[in-house]
């Protein structure tokens, strides 16, 4: 799967998340948007919901991947900091056959 398609899926998941958020609390929807950590409006529960949404969208395209696992959590720098870092992480997982 191309990184551009992965990015589309992540951005669509952010748009979906914003449908349930109050005005002024929406998540930014862009390639450089912060997802989790400093500057983000997403708490840990929100991140889990977002990851599940992304996993389901990938599954619908025939790609089975688990995003929140020991590999992701044990990294020094979270792969979920920004949209672009998440896209790279997913692309790396897919390239490794995870």
Protein backbone atom coordinates (compact mmCIF):
# COMPACT_ATOMS: atom_id res chain seq x y z
CA UNK A 1 0.00 0.00 0.00
CA UNK A 2 1.33 3.40 -0.96
CA UNK A 3 2.12 5.91 1.81
CA UNK A 4 -0.22 8.41 0.15
CA UNK A 5 -3.12 5.96 0.58
CA UNK A 6 -2.15 5.32 4.21
CA UNK A 7 -2.17 9.08 4.79
CA UNK A 8 -5.64 9.37 3.23
CA UNK A 9 -6.89 6.68 5.63
CA UNK A 10 -5.37 8.41 8.67
CA UNK A 11 -6.77 11.80 7.65
CA UNK A 12 -10.20 10.27 7.08
CA UNK A 13 -10.05 8.72 10.56
CA UNK A 14 -9.30 12.18 11.98
CA UNK A 15 -12.30 13.61 10.13
CA UNK A 16 -14.45 10.81 11.59
CA UNK A 17 -13.14 11.58 15.08
CA UNK A 18 -14.03 15.24 14.63
CA UNK A 19 -17.66 14.36 13.98
CA UNK A 20 -18.03 13.46 17.65
CA UNK A 21 -16.04 16.38 19.07
CA UNK A 22 -17.38 19.74 20.19
CA UNK A 23 -16.74 22.87 18.16
CA UNK A 24 -13.32 24.24 19.00
CA UNK A 25 -12.07 20.83 20.16
CA UNK A 26 -11.62 19.32 16.71
CA UNK A 27 -8.36 17.66 15.76
CA UNK A 28 -6.35 19.31 12.98
CA UNK A 29 -6.56 17.33 9.75
CA UNK A 30 -3.26 17.67 7.90
CA UNK A 31 -0.09 15.69 7.22
CA UNK A 32 1.86 17.56 9.90
CA UNK A 33 -0.90 17.59 12.54
CA UNK A 34 0.04 16.50 16.05
CA UNK A 35 -1.80 13.34 17.10
CA UNK A 36 -0.58 12.41 20.54
CA UNK A 37 1.65 14.21 23.00
CA UNK A 38 2.56 17.90 23.16
CA UNK A 39 0.22 20.12 21.16
CA UNK A 40 -2.42 17.45 20.65
CA UNK A 41 -6.04 17.48 21.73
CA UNK A 42 -6.13 13.69 21.73
CA UNK A 43 -6.00 11.83 25.05
CA UNK A 44 -4.97 8.18 25.39
CA UNK A 45 -8.53 6.87 25.00
CA UNK A 46 -9.01 9.04 21.92
CA UNK A 47 -5.79 7.67 20.48
CA UNK A 48 -6.96 4.08 20.98
CA UNK A 49 -10.27 4.86 19.26
CA UNK A 50 -8.40 6.52 16.38
CA UNK A 51 -6.05 3.53 16.03
CA UNK A 52 -8.98 1.09 15.92
CA UNK A 53 -10.67 3.23 13.27
CA UNK A 54 -7.47 3.20 11.17
CA UNK A 55 -7.02 -0.56 11.65
CA UNK A 56 -10.61 -1.15 10.49
CA UNK A 57 -10.14 1.07 7.43
CA UNK A 58 -6.93 -0.78 6.53
CA UNK A 59 -8.70 -4.11 7.05
CA UNK A 60 -11.45 -3.00 4.65
CA UNK A 61 -8.70 -2.62 2.04
CA UNK A 62 -7.36 -6.11 2.73
CA UNK A 63 -4.55 -5.08 5.08
CA UNK A 64 -4.45 -6.60 8.56
CA UNK A 65 -2.20 -4.74 10.98
CA UNK A 66 -2.16 -4.08 14.72
CA UNK A 67 -1.07 -0.56 15.53
CA UNK A 68 -1.06 -0.42 19.32
CA UNK A 69 1.22 -3.21 20.38
CA UNK A 70 4.46 -3.66 22.30
CA UNK A 71 6.53 -2.51 19.29
CA UNK A 72 4.79 0.86 19.22
CA UNK A 73 4.64 1.40 22.97
CA UNK A 74 8.27 0.47 23.62
CA UNK A 75 9.73 3.00 21.18
CA UNK A 76 11.62 5.95 22.63
CA UNK A 77 9.69 8.31 20.36
CA UNK A 78 6.06 7.43 19.84
CA UNK A 79 5.13 6.64 16.25
CA UNK A 80 1.82 8.35 17.00
CA UNK A 81 3.20 11.88 17.57
CA UNK A 82 2.04 13.23 14.20
CA UNK A 83 0.12 12.11 11.15
CA UNK A 84 3.35 11.78 9.16
CA UNK A 85 5.10 9.70 11.86
CA UNK A 86 2.07 7.40 12.03
CA UNK A 87 2.02 7.02 8.25
CA UNK A 88 5.72 6.10 8.28
CA UNK A 89 5.13 3.61 11.09
CA UNK A 90 2.26 1.92 9.25
CA UNK A 91 4.26 1.82 6.00
CA UNK A 92 7.19 0.25 7.89
CA UNK A 93 4.92 -2.36 9.45
CA UNK A 94 3.45 -3.25 6.08
CA UNK A 95 6.90 -3.43 4.46
CA UNK A 96 8.03 -5.78 7.24
CA UNK A 97 4.96 -7.94 6.69
CA UNK A 98 3.50 -7.31 10.13
